[in-house]
Amino acid sequence: SSGIGLIMGRYRLMQNFKGKVEVRGVSSQTKKLMEISGLSSIVTIKE
């Protein structure tokens, strides 16, 4: 779950600069976990 927190924190920091976050190269299983956590609503996730 620290990985989810890592992504969410970088998303919040990037919002200060009106920036976007993309997470790429994830396995299908990791992508599912990220989607369940709600990350897919704030960052782009690519398998």
All heavy atoms as atom14 arrays in JSON, in Angstrom:
{
  "sequence": "SSGIGLIMGRYRLMQNFKGKVEVRGVSSQTKKLMEISGLSSIVTIKE",
  "atom14_mask": [
    [1, 1, 1, 1, 1, 1, 0, 0, 0, 0, 0, 0, 0, 0],
    [1, 1, 1, 1, 1, 1, 0, 0, 0, 0, 0, 0, 0, 0],
    [1, 1, 1, 1, 0, 0, 0, 0, 0, 0, 0, 0, 0, 0],
    [1, 1, 1, 1, 1, 1, 1, 1, 0, 0, 0, 0, 0, 0],
    [1, 1, 1, 1, 0, 0, 0, 0, 0, 0, 0, 0, 0, 0],
    [1, 1, 1, 1, 1, 1, 1, 1, 0, 0, 0, 0, 0, 0],
    [1, 1, 1, 1, 1, 1, 1, 1, 0, 0, 0, 0, 0, 0],
    [1, 1, 1, 1, 1, 1, 1, 1, 0, 0, 0, 0, 0, 0],
    [1, 1, 1, 1, 0, 0, 0, 0, 0, 0, 0, 0, 0, 0],
    [1, 1, 1, 1, 1, 1, 1, 1, 1, 1, 1, 0, 0, 0],
    [1, 1, 1, 1, 1, 1, 1, 1, 1, 1, 1, 1, 0, 0],
    [1, 1, 1, 1, 1, 1, 1, 1, 1, 1, 1, 0, 0, 0],
    [1, 1, 1, 1, 1, 1, 1, 1, 0, 0, 0, 0, 0, 0],
    [1, 1, 1, 1, 1, 1, 1, 1, 0, 0, 0, 0, 0, 0],
    [1, 1, 1, 1, 1, 1, 1, 1, 1, 0, 0, 0, 0, 0],
    [1, 1, 1, 1, 1, 1, 1, 1, 0, 0, 0, 0, 0, 0],
    [1, 1, 1, 1, 1, 1, 1, 1, 1, 1, 1, 0, 0, 0],
    [1, 1, 1, 1, 1, 1, 1, 1, 1, 0, 0, 0, 0, 0],
    [1, 1, 1, 1, 0, 0, 0, 0, 0, 0, 0, 0, 0, 0],
    [1, 1, 1, 1, 1, 1, 1, 1, 1, 0, 0, 0, 0, 0],
    [1, 1, 1, 1, 1, 1, 1, 0, 0, 0, 0, 0, 0, 0],
    [1, 1, 1, 1, 1, 1, 1, 1, 1, 0, 0, 0, 0, 0],
    [1, 1, 1, 1, 1, 1, 1, 0, 0, 0, 0, 0, 0, 0],
    [1, 1, 1, 1, 1, 1, 1, 1, 1, 1, 1, 0, 0, 0],
    [1, 1, 1, 1, 0, 0, 0, 0, 0, 0, 0, 0, 0, 0],
    [1, 1, 1, 1, 1, 1, 1, 0, 0, 0, 0, 0, 0, 0],
    [1, 1, 1, 1, 1, 1, 0, 0, 0, 0, 0, 0, 0, 0],
    [1, 1, 1, 1, 1, 1, 0, 0, 0, 0, 0, 0, 0, 0],
    [1, 1, 1, 1, 1, 1, 1, 1, 1, 0, 0, 0, 0, 0],
    [1, 1, 1, 1, 1, 1, 1, 0, 0, 0, 0, 0, 0, 0],
    [1, 1, 1, 1, 1, 1, 1, 1, 1, 0, 0, 0, 0, 0],
    [1, 1, 1, 1, 1, 1, 1, 1, 1, 0, 0, 0, 0, 0],
    [1, 1, 1, 1, 1, 1, 1, 1, 0, 0, 0, 0, 0, 0],
    [1, 1, 1, 1, 1, 1, 1, 1, 0, 0, 0, 0, 0, 0],
    [1, 1, 1, 1, 1, 1, 1, 1, 1, 0, 0, 0, 0, 0],
    [1, 1, 1, 1, 1, 1, 1, 1, 0, 0, 0, 0, 0, 0],
    [1, 1, 1, 1, 1, 1, 0, 0, 0, 0, 0, 0, 0, 0],
    [1, 1, 1, 1, 0, 0, 0, 0, 0, 0, 0, 0, 0, 0],
    [1, 1, 1, 1, 1, 1, 1, 1, 0, 0, 0, 0, 0, 0],
    [1, 1, 1, 1, 1, 1, 0, 0, 0, 0, 0, 0, 0, 0],
    [1, 1, 1, 1, 1, 1, 0, 0, 0, 0, 0, 0, 0, 0],
    [1, 1, 1, 1, 1, 1, 1, 1, 0, 0, 0, 0, 0, 0],
    [1, 1, 1, 1, 1, 1, 1, 0, 0, 0, 0, 0, 0, 0],
    [1, 1, 1, 1, 1, 1, 1, 0, 0, 0, 0, 0, 0, 0],
    [1, 1, 1, 1, 1, 1, 1, 1, 0, 0, 0, 0, 0, 0],
    [1, 1, 1, 1, 1, 1, 1, 1, 1, 0, 0, 0, 0, 0],
    [1, 1, 1, 1, 1, 1, 1, 1, 1, 0, 0, 0, 0, 0]
  ],
  "atom14_positions": [
    [[0.81, -1.22, 0.0], [0.0, 0.0, 0.0], [0.85, 1.27, 0.0], [0.36, 2.34, -0.37], [-0.95, 0.01, 1.2], [-0.21, -0.03, 2.4], [0.0, 0.0, 0.0], [0.0, 0.0, 0.0], [0.0, 0.0, 0.0], [0.0, 0.0, 0.0], [0.0, 0.0, 0.0], [0.0, 0.0, 0.0], [0.0, 0.0, 0.0], [0.0, 0.0, 0.0]],
    [[2.1, 1.17, 0.36], [2.99, 2.33, 0.31], [3.15, 2.85, -1.11], [3.34, 4.04, -1.33], [4.37, 1.99, 0.87], [4.28, 1.57, 2.21], [0.0, 0.0, 0.0], [0.0, 0.0, 0.0], [0.0, 0.0, 0.0], [0.0, 0.0, 0.0], [0.0, 0.0, 0.0], [0.0, 0.0, 0.0], [0.0, 0.0, 0.0], [0.0, 0.0, 0.0]],
    [[3.04, 1.96, -2.08], [3.12, 2.37, -3.48], [1.93, 3.23, -3.87], [2.07, 4.21, -4.61], [0.0, 0.0, 0.0], [0.0, 0.0, 0.0], [0.0, 0.0, 0.0], [0.0, 0.0, 0.0], [0.0, 0.0, 0.0], [0.0, 0.0, 0.0], [0.0, 0.0, 0.0], [0.0, 0.0, 0.0], [0.0, 0.0, 0.0], [0.0, 0.0, 0.0]],
    [[0.75, 2.88, -3.36], [-0.45, 3.68, -3.61], [-0.27, 5.08, -2.99], [-0.53, 6.09, -3.63], [-1.71, 3.0, -3.03], [-1.9, 1.6, -3.62], [-2.94, 3.87, -3.21], [-2.2, 1.54, -5.09], [0.0, 0.0, 0.0], [0.0, 0.0, 0.0], [0.0, 0.0, 0.0], [0.0, 0.0, 0.0], [0.0, 0.0, 0.0], [0.0, 0.0, 0.0]],
    [[0.22, 5.1, -1.77], [0.48, 6.38, -1.09], [1.52, 7.21, -1.82], [1.4, 8.44, -1.9], [0.0, 0.0, 0.0], [0.0, 0.0, 0.0], [0.0, 0.0, 0.0], [0.0, 0.0, 0.0], [0.0, 0.0, 0.0], [0.0, 0.0, 0.0], [0.0, 0.0, 0.0], [0.0, 0.0, 0.0], [0.0, 0.0, 0.0], [0.0, 0.0, 0.0]],
    [[2.53, 6.55, -2.35], [3.58, 7.24, -3.11], [2.98, 7.95, -4.31], [3.26, 9.12, -4.57], [4.64, 6.23, -3.56], [5.74, 6.78, -4.45], [6.74, 7.58, -3.64], [6.45, 5.65, -5.18], [0.0, 0.0, 0.0], [0.0, 0.0, 0.0], [0.0, 0.0, 0.0], [0.0, 0.0, 0.0], [0.0, 0.0, 0.0], [0.0, 0.0, 0.0]],
    [[2.12, 7.26, -5.03], [1.49, 7.85, -6.22], [0.56, 9.0, -5.82], [0.61, 10.08, -6.43], [0.72, 6.77, -7.01], [1.69, 5.71, -7.54], [-0.06, 7.41, -8.15], [1.03, 4.45, -8.04], [0.0, 0.0, 0.0], [0.0, 0.0, 0.0], [0.0, 0.0, 0.0], [0.0, 0.0, 0.0], [0.0, 0.0, 0.0], [0.0, 0.0, 0.0]],
    [[-0.25, 8.78, -4.81], [-1.2, 9.82, -4.39], [-0.48, 11.09, -3.93], [-0.9, 12.2, -4.26], [-2.1, 9.29, -3.28], [-3.06, 8.23, -3.78], [-4.08, 7.54, -2.47], [-5.31, 8.83, -2.35], [0.0, 0.0, 0.0], [0.0, 0.0, 0.0], [0.0, 0.0, 0.0], [0.0, 0.0, 0.0], [0.0, 0.0, 0.0], [0.0, 0.0, 0.0]],
    [[0.6, 10.92, -3.2], [1.36, 12.07, -2.73], [1.99, 12.86, -3.86], [2.01, 14.09, -3.86], [0.0, 0.0, 0.0], [0.0, 0.0, 0.0], [0.0, 0.0, 0.0], [0.0, 0.0, 0.0], [0.0, 0.0, 0.0], [0.0, 0.0, 0.0], [0.0, 0.0, 0.0], [0.0, 0.0, 0.0], [0.0, 0.0, 0.0], [0.0, 0.0, 0.0]],
    [[2.51, 12.14, -4.89], [3.11, 12.84, -6.03], [2.02, 13.53, -6.83], [2.23, 14.61, -7.37], [3.85, 11.87, -6.96], [5.14, 11.22, -6.5], [5.89, 11.82, -5.35], [5.36, 11.22, -4.12], [5.12, 11.88, -2.98], [5.4, 13.12, -2.83], [4.62, 11.28, -1.93], [0.0, 0.0, 0.0], [0.0, 0.0, 0.0], [0.0, 0.0, 0.0]],
    [[0.83, 12.93, -6.89], [-0.31, 13.58, -7.55], [-0.63, 14.91, -6.86], [-0.78, 15.94, -7.52], [-1.53, 12.66, -7.55], [-2.8, 13.37, -7.93], [-3.09, 13.66, -9.26], [-3.7, 13.8, -6.96], [-4.25, 14.34, -9.61], [-4.87, 14.47, -7.3], [-5.14, 14.74, -8.62], [-6.27, 15.42, -8.96], [0.0, 0.0, 0.0], [0.0, 0.0, 0.0]],
    [[-0.71, 14.89, -5.54], [-1.01, 16.12, -4.79], [0.06, 17.17, -5.02], [-0.24, 18.35, -5.2], [-1.15, 15.83, -3.3], [-2.51, 15.31, -2.95], [-2.71, 15.24, -1.44], [-3.08, 13.86, -1.15], [-2.36, 12.96, -0.49], [-1.24, 13.27, 0.02], [-2.77, 11.75, -0.3], [0.0, 0.0, 0.0], [0.0, 0.0, 0.0], [0.0, 0.0, 0.0]],
    [[1.32, 16.76, -5.01], [2.41, 17.71, -5.23], [2.34, 18.3, -6.64], [2.5, 19.51, -6.83], [3.76, 17.04, -5.01], [5.01, 17.9, -5.17], [4.97, 19.11, -4.23], [6.26, 17.08, -4.94], [0.0, 0.0, 0.0], [0.0, 0.0, 0.0], [0.0, 0.0, 0.0], [0.0, 0.0, 0.0], [0.0, 0.0, 0.0], [0.0, 0.0, 0.0]],
    [[2.06, 17.47, -7.62], [1.97, 17.95, -9.01], [0.79, 18.91, -9.19], [0.84, 19.77, -10.06], [1.86, 16.77, -9.98], [3.15, 15.98, -10.14], [4.48, 16.93, -10.88], [3.85, 17.1, -12.55], [0.0, 0.0, 0.0], [0.0, 0.0, 0.0], [0.0, 0.0, 0.0], [0.0, 0.0, 0.0], [0.0, 0.0, 0.0], [0.0, 0.0, 0.0]],
    [[-0.24, 18.79, -8.39], [-1.38, 19.7, -8.46], [-0.95, 21.13, -8.15], [-1.52, 22.08, -8.67], [-2.48, 19.26, -7.5], [-3.18, 17.98, -7.92], [-3.84, 18.12, -9.27], [-4.83, 18.81, -9.42], [-3.26, 17.47, -10.27], [0.0, 0.0, 0.0], [0.0, 0.0, 0.0], [0.0, 0.0, 0.0], [0.0, 0.0, 0.0], [0.0, 0.0, 0.0]],
    [[0.08, 21.29, -7.32], [0.6, 22.63, -7.01], [1.12, 23.34, -8.26], [1.15, 24.57, -8.31], [1.73, 22.55, -5.99], [1.26, 22.08, -4.64], [0.11, 22.25, -4.27], [2.16, 21.46, -3.9], [0.0, 0.0, 0.0], [0.0, 0.0, 0.0], [0.0, 0.0, 0.0], [0.0, 0.0, 0.0], [0.0, 0.0, 0.0], [0.0, 0.0, 0.0]],
    [[1.54, 22.57, -9.25], [2.09, 23.13, -10.49], [1.14, 22.9, -11.67], [1.54, 23.04, -12.82], [3.46, 22.5, -10.78], [4.39, 22.55, -9.61], [4.75, 21.39, -8.95], [4.88, 23.75, -9.14], [5.59, 21.42, -7.85], [5.71, 23.8, -8.04], [6.07, 22.63, -7.39], [0.0, 0.0, 0.0], [0.0, 0.0, 0.0], [0.0, 0.0, 0.0]],
    [[-0.09, 22.52, -11.34], [-1.1, 22.2, -12.36], [-0.6, 21.12, -13.33], [-0.88, 21.15, -14.52], [-1.53, 23.45, -13.11], [-2.14, 24.51, -12.19], [-2.82, 25.58, -12.94], [-3.39, 26.7, -12.1], [-3.6, 26.57, -10.73], [0.0, 0.0, 0.0], [0.0, 0.0, 0.0], [0.0, 0.0, 0.0], [0.0, 0.0, 0.0], [0.0, 0.0, 0.0]],
    [[0.15, 20.18, -12.77], [0.73, 19.1, -13.55], [-0.1, 17.83, -13.5], [-1.03, 17.7, -12.71], [0.0, 0.0, 0.0], [0.0, 0.0, 0.0], [0.0, 0.0, 0.0], [0.0, 0.0, 0.0], [0.0, 0.0, 0.0], [0.0, 0.0, 0.0], [0.0, 0.0, 0.0], [0.0, 0.0, 0.0], [0.0, 0.0, 0.0], [0.0, 0.0, 0.0]],
    [[0.27, 16.88, -14.37], [-0.43, 15.6, -14.46], [0.53, 14.47, -14.14], [1.74, 14.61, -14.31], [-0.99, 15.41, -15.87], [-2.03, 16.44, -16.22], [-2.62, 16.19, -17.58], [-3.64, 17.3, -17.84], [-4.54, 16.99, -18.9], [0.0, 0.0, 0.0], [0.0, 0.0, 0.0], [0.0, 0.0, 0.0], [0.0, 0.0, 0.0], [0.0, 0.0, 0.0]],
    [[-0.05, 13.34, -13.72], [0.74, 12.16, -13.37], [0.26, 10.99, -14.21], [-0.94, 10.77, -14.38], [0.6, 11.82, -11.87], [1.37, 10.54, -11.54], [1.09, 12.97, -11.01], [0.0, 0.0, 0.0], [0.0, 0.0, 0.0], [0.0, 0.0, 0.0], [0.0, 0.0, 0.0], [0.0, 0.0, 0.0], [0.0, 0.0, 0.0], [0.0, 0.0, 0.0]],
    [[1.23, 10.25, -14.74], [0.96, 9.01, -15.46], [1.77, 7.9, -14.8], [2.94, 8.09, -14.48], [1.37, 9.14, -16.92], [1.2, 7.87, -17.72], [1.7, 8.02, -19.14], [1.31, 9.0, -19.81], [2.48, 7.15, -19.58], [0.0, 0.0, 0.0], [0.0, 0.0, 0.0], [0.0, 0.0, 0.0], [0.0, 0.0, 0.0], [0.0, 0.0, 0.0]],
    [[1.12, 6.77, -14.57], [1.8, 5.58, -14.06], [1.82, 4.58, -15.19], [0.78, 4.24, -15.74], [1.06, 5.0, -12.83], [1.78, 3.78, -12.3], [0.91, 6.06, -11.74], [0.0, 0.0, 0.0], [0.0, 0.0, 0.0], [0.0, 0.0, 0.0], [0.0, 0.0, 0.0], [0.0, 0.0, 0.0], [0.0, 0.0, 0.0], [0.0, 0.0, 0.0]],
    [[3.01, 4.13, -15.58], [3.09, 3.22, -16.72], [3.92, 2.0, -16.38], [4.67, 1.98, -15.41], [3.64, 3.93, -17.94], [5.11, 4.24, -17.87], [5.57, 4.88, -19.17], [7.01, 5.15, -19.11], [7.65, 5.95, -19.93], [6.98, 6.6, -20.85], [8.94, 6.12, -19.8], [0.0, 0.0, 0.0], [0.0, 0.0, 0.0], [0.0, 0.0, 0.0]],
    [[3.74, 0.97, -17.21], [4.52, -0.25, -17.04], [4.06, -1.12, -15.89], [4.84, -1.92, -15.38], [0.0, 0.0, 0.0], [0.0, 0.0, 0.0], [0.0, 0.0, 0.0], [0.0, 0.0, 0.0], [0.0, 0.0, 0.0], [0.0, 0.0, 0.0], [0.0, 0.0, 0.0], [0.0, 0.0, 0.0], [0.0, 0.0, 0.0], [0.0, 0.0, 0.0]],
    [[2.79, -1.01, -15.49], [2.3, -1.82, -14.38], [1.75, -3.15, -14.89], [1.28, -3.24, -16.02], [1.21, -1.09, -13.55], [1.75, 0.17, -12.92], [-0.01, -0.78, -14.38], [0.0, 0.0, 0.0], [0.0, 0.0, 0.0], [0.0, 0.0, 0.0], [0.0, 0.0, 0.0], [0.0, 0.0, 0.0], [0.0, 0.0, 0.0], [0.0, 0.0, 0.0]],
    [[1.82, -4.16, -14.05], [1.23, -5.46, -14.4], [-0.28, -5.34, -14.34], [-0.82, -4.41, -13.74], [1.71, -6.54, -13.42], [1.19, -6.3, -12.13], [0.0, 0.0, 0.0], [0.0, 0.0, 0.0], [0.0, 0.0, 0.0], [0.0, 0.0, 0.0], [0.0, 0.0, 0.0], [0.0, 0.0, 0.0], [0.0, 0.0, 0.0], [0.0, 0.0, 0.0]],
    [[-0.98, -6.3, -14.94], [-2.45, -6.26, -14.91], [-2.96, -6.37, -13.48], [-3.95, -5.72, -13.12], [-3.04, -7.35, -15.79], [-2.61, -8.62, -15.36], [0.0, 0.0, 0.0], [0.0, 0.0, 0.0], [0.0, 0.0, 0.0], [0.0, 0.0, 0.0], [0.0, 0.0, 0.0], [0.0, 0.0, 0.0], [0.0, 0.0, 0.0], [0.0, 0.0, 0.0]],
    [[-2.29, -7.15, -12.65], [-2.7, -7.29, -11.24], [-2.51, -5.98, -10.48], [-3.39, -5.55, -9.74], [-1.91, -8.41, -10.57], [-2.34, -8.68, -9.15], [-1.55, -9.82, -8.52], [-0.52, -10.23, -9.03], [-2.03, -10.3, -7.4], [0.0, 0.0, 0.0], [0.0, 0.0, 0.0], [0.0, 0.0, 0.0], [0.0, 0.0, 0.0], [0.0, 0.0, 0.0]],
    [[-1.38, -5.32, -10.69], [-1.13, -4.05, -10.02], [-2.11, -2.99, -10.51], [-2.59, -2.17, -9.73], [0.33, -3.6, -10.25], [1.2, -4.6, -9.74], [0.62, -2.28, -9.56], [0.0, 0.0, 0.0], [0.0, 0.0, 0.0], [0.0, 0.0, 0.0], [0.0, 0.0, 0.0], [0.0, 0.0, 0.0], [0.0, 0.0, 0.0], [0.0, 0.0, 0.0]],
    [[-2.43, -3.02, -11.79], [-3.39, -2.06, -12.34], [-4.75, -2.23, -11.66], [-5.4, -1.24, -11.31], [-3.53, -2.23, -13.85], [-4.46, -1.19, -14.47], [-4.56, -1.34, -15.97], [-5.48, -0.26, -16.51], [-5.76, -0.45, -17.93], [0.0, 0.0, 0.0], [0.0, 0.0, 0.0], [0.0, 0.0, 0.0], [0.0, 0.0, 0.0], [0.0, 0.0, 0.0]],
    [[-5.16, -3.46, -11.45], [-6.43, -3.72, -10.76], [-6.42, -3.14, -9.36], [-7.39, -2.52, -8.92], [-6.73, -5.22, -10.71], [-7.16, -5.79, -12.03], [-7.39, -7.29, -11.92], [-7.58, -7.89, -13.29], [-7.62, -9.36, -13.26], [0.0, 0.0, 0.0], [0.0, 0.0, 0.0], [0.0, 0.0, 0.0], [0.0, 0.0, 0.0], [0.0, 0.0, 0.0]],
    [[-5.32, -3.34, -8.63], [-5.2, -2.78, -7.27], [-5.28, -1.25, -7.3], [-5.93, -0.64, -6.45], [-3.89, -3.21, -6.62], [-3.77, -4.67, -6.22], [-2.35, -4.98, -5.79], [-4.75, -5.0, -5.11], [0.0, 0.0, 0.0], [0.0, 0.0, 0.0], [0.0, 0.0, 0.0], [0.0, 0.0, 0.0], [0.0, 0.0, 0.0], [0.0, 0.0, 0.0]],
    [[-4.63, -0.66, -8.28], [-4.65, 0.8, -8.39], [-6.05, 1.3, -8.72], [-6.48, 2.32, -8.2], [-3.64, 1.26, -9.45], [-2.21, 1.07, -9.04], [-1.07, 1.61, -10.34], [0.5, 1.34, -9.52], [0.0, 0.0, 0.0], [0.0, 0.0, 0.0], [0.0, 0.0, 0.0], [0.0, 0.0, 0.0], [0.0, 0.0, 0.0], [0.0, 0.0, 0.0]],
    [[-6.76, 0.57, -9.57], [-8.13, 0.96, -9.91], [-9.05, 0.82, -8.7], [-9.89, 1.7, -8.45], [-8.63, 0.13, -11.08], [-7.96, 0.51, -12.39], [-8.29, -0.43, -13.54], [-8.77, -1.57, -13.29], [-8.05, -0.03, -14.69], [0.0, 0.0, 0.0], [0.0, 0.0, 0.0], [0.0, 0.0, 0.0], [0.0, 0.0, 0.0], [0.0, 0.0, 0.0]],
    [[-8.91, -0.26, -7.94], [-9.72, -0.46, -6.74], [-9.49, 0.65, -5.72], [-10.42, 1.1, -5.06], [-9.43, -1.85, -6.11], [-9.99, -2.95, -7.01], [-10.01, -1.96, -4.71], [-9.53, -4.35, -6.64], [0.0, 0.0, 0.0], [0.0, 0.0, 0.0], [0.0, 0.0, 0.0], [0.0, 0.0, 0.0], [0.0, 0.0, 0.0], [0.0, 0.0, 0.0]],
    [[-8.25, 1.11, -5.63], [-7.92, 2.17, -4.67], [-8.42, 3.54, -5.1], [-8.36, 4.5, -4.35], [-6.41, 2.23, -4.44], [-5.78, 2.77, -5.58], [0.0, 0.0, 0.0], [0.0, 0.0, 0.0], [0.0, 0.0, 0.0], [0.0, 0.0, 0.0], [0.0, 0.0, 0.0], [0.0, 0.0, 0.0], [0.0, 0.0, 0.0], [0.0, 0.0, 0.0]],
    [[-8.88, 3.65, -6.34], [-9.39, 4.92, -6.85], [-8.36, 5.76, -7.59], [-8.66, 6.86, -8.04], [0.0, 0.0, 0.0], [0.0, 0.0, 0.0], [0.0, 0.0, 0.0], [0.0, 0.0, 0.0], [0.0, 0.0, 0.0], [0.0, 0.0, 0.0], [0.0, 0.0, 0.0], [0.0, 0.0, 0.0], [0.0, 0.0, 0.0], [0.0, 0.0, 0.0]],
    [[-7.16, 5.24, -7.74], [-6.11, 6.01, -8.42], [-6.46, 6.33, -9.86], [-6.07, 7.38, -10.38], [-4.78, 5.25, -8.39], [-3.94, 5.34, -7.14], [-2.68, 4.51, -7.29], [-3.6, 6.77, -6.8], [0.0, 0.0, 0.0], [0.0, 0.0, 0.0], [0.0, 0.0, 0.0], [0.0, 0.0, 0.0], [0.0, 0.0, 0.0], [0.0, 0.0, 0.0]],
    [[-7.2, 5.44, -10.51], [-7.5, 5.66, -11.93], [-8.36, 6.89, -12.17], [-8.45, 7.38, -13.29], [-8.15, 4.42, -12.55], [-9.33, 4.08, -11.84], [0.0, 0.0, 0.0], [0.0, 0.0, 0.0], [0.0, 0.0, 0.0], [0.0, 0.0, 0.0], [0.0, 0.0, 0.0], [0.0, 0.0, 0.0], [0.0, 0.0, 0.0], [0.0, 0.0, 0.0]],
    [[-8.97, 7.43, -11.11], [-9.77, 8.65, -11.28], [-8.92, 9.92, -11.21], [-9.39, 10.99, -11.58], [-10.88, 8.7, -10.22], [-10.32, 8.83, -8.92], [0.0, 0.0, 0.0], [0.0, 0.0, 0.0], [0.0, 0.0, 0.0], [0.0, 0.0, 0.0], [0.0, 0.0, 0.0], [0.0, 0.0, 0.0], [0.0, 0.0, 0.0], [0.0, 0.0, 0.0]],
    [[-7.66, 9.79, -10.77], [-6.81, 10.98, -10.66], [-5.54, 10.92, -11.5], [-4.94, 11.95, -11.77], [-6.45, 11.3, -9.18], [-5.69, 10.15, -8.53], [-7.71, 11.65, -8.39], [-5.13, 10.46, -7.16], [0.0, 0.0, 0.0], [0.0, 0.0, 0.0], [0.0, 0.0, 0.0], [0.0, 0.0, 0.0], [0.0, 0.0, 0.0], [0.0, 0.0, 0.0]],
    [[-5.1, 9.71, -11.87], [-3.89, 9.56, -12.69], [-4.19, 8.62, -13.85], [-5.11, 7.82, -13.8], [-2.67, 9.04, -11.89], [-2.35, 9.94, -10.72], [-2.89, 7.61, -11.42], [0.0, 0.0, 0.0], [0.0, 0.0, 0.0], [0.0, 0.0, 0.0], [0.0, 0.0, 0.0], [0.0, 0.0, 0.0], [0.0, 0.0, 0.0], [0.0, 0.0, 0.0]],
    [[-3.38, 8.72, -14.89], [-3.47, 7.79, -16.02], [-2.64, 6.56, -15.68], [-1.49, 6.69, -15.25], [-2.92, 8.45, -17.31], [-3.66, 9.65, -17.56], [-3.01, 7.52, -18.49], [0.0, 0.0, 0.0], [0.0, 0.0, 0.0], [0.0, 0.0, 0.0], [0.0, 0.0, 0.0], [0.0, 0.0, 0.0], [0.0, 0.0, 0.0], [0.0, 0.0, 0.0]],
    [[-3.21, 5.38, -15.86], [-2.52, 4.13, -15.56], [-2.42, 3.32, -16.85], [-3.43, 3.06, -17.5], [-3.26, 3.32, -14.48], [-3.41, 4.15, -13.2], [-2.51, 2.01, -14.2], [-4.33, 3.52, -12.17], [0.0, 0.0, 0.0], [0.0, 0.0, 0.0], [0.0, 0.0, 0.0], [0.0, 0.0, 0.0], [0.0, 0.0, 0.0], [0.0, 0.0, 0.0]],
    [[-1.19, 2.93, -17.19], [-0.96, 2.15, -18.41], [-0.24, 0.85, -18.07], [0.79, 0.86, -17.4], [-0.14, 2.94, -19.42], [-0.86, 4.18, -19.93], [-0.05, 4.88, -20.99], [-0.81, 6.08, -21.53], [-0.02, 6.81, -22.53], [0.0, 0.0, 0.0], [0.0, 0.0, 0.0], [0.0, 0.0, 0.0], [0.0, 0.0, 0.0], [0.0, 0.0, 0.0]],
    [[-0.8, -0.26, -18.56], [-0.21, -1.57, -18.33], [1.06, -1.77, -19.16], [1.26, -1.1, -20.17], [-1.2, -2.68, -18.72], [-2.2, -2.99, -17.66], [-3.05, -4.19, -18.05], [-2.49, -5.3, -18.23], [-4.27, -4.0, -18.15], [0.0, 0.0, 0.0], [0.0, 0.0, 0.0], [0.0, 0.0, 0.0], [0.0, 0.0, 0.0], [0.0, 0.0, 0.0]]
  ]
}
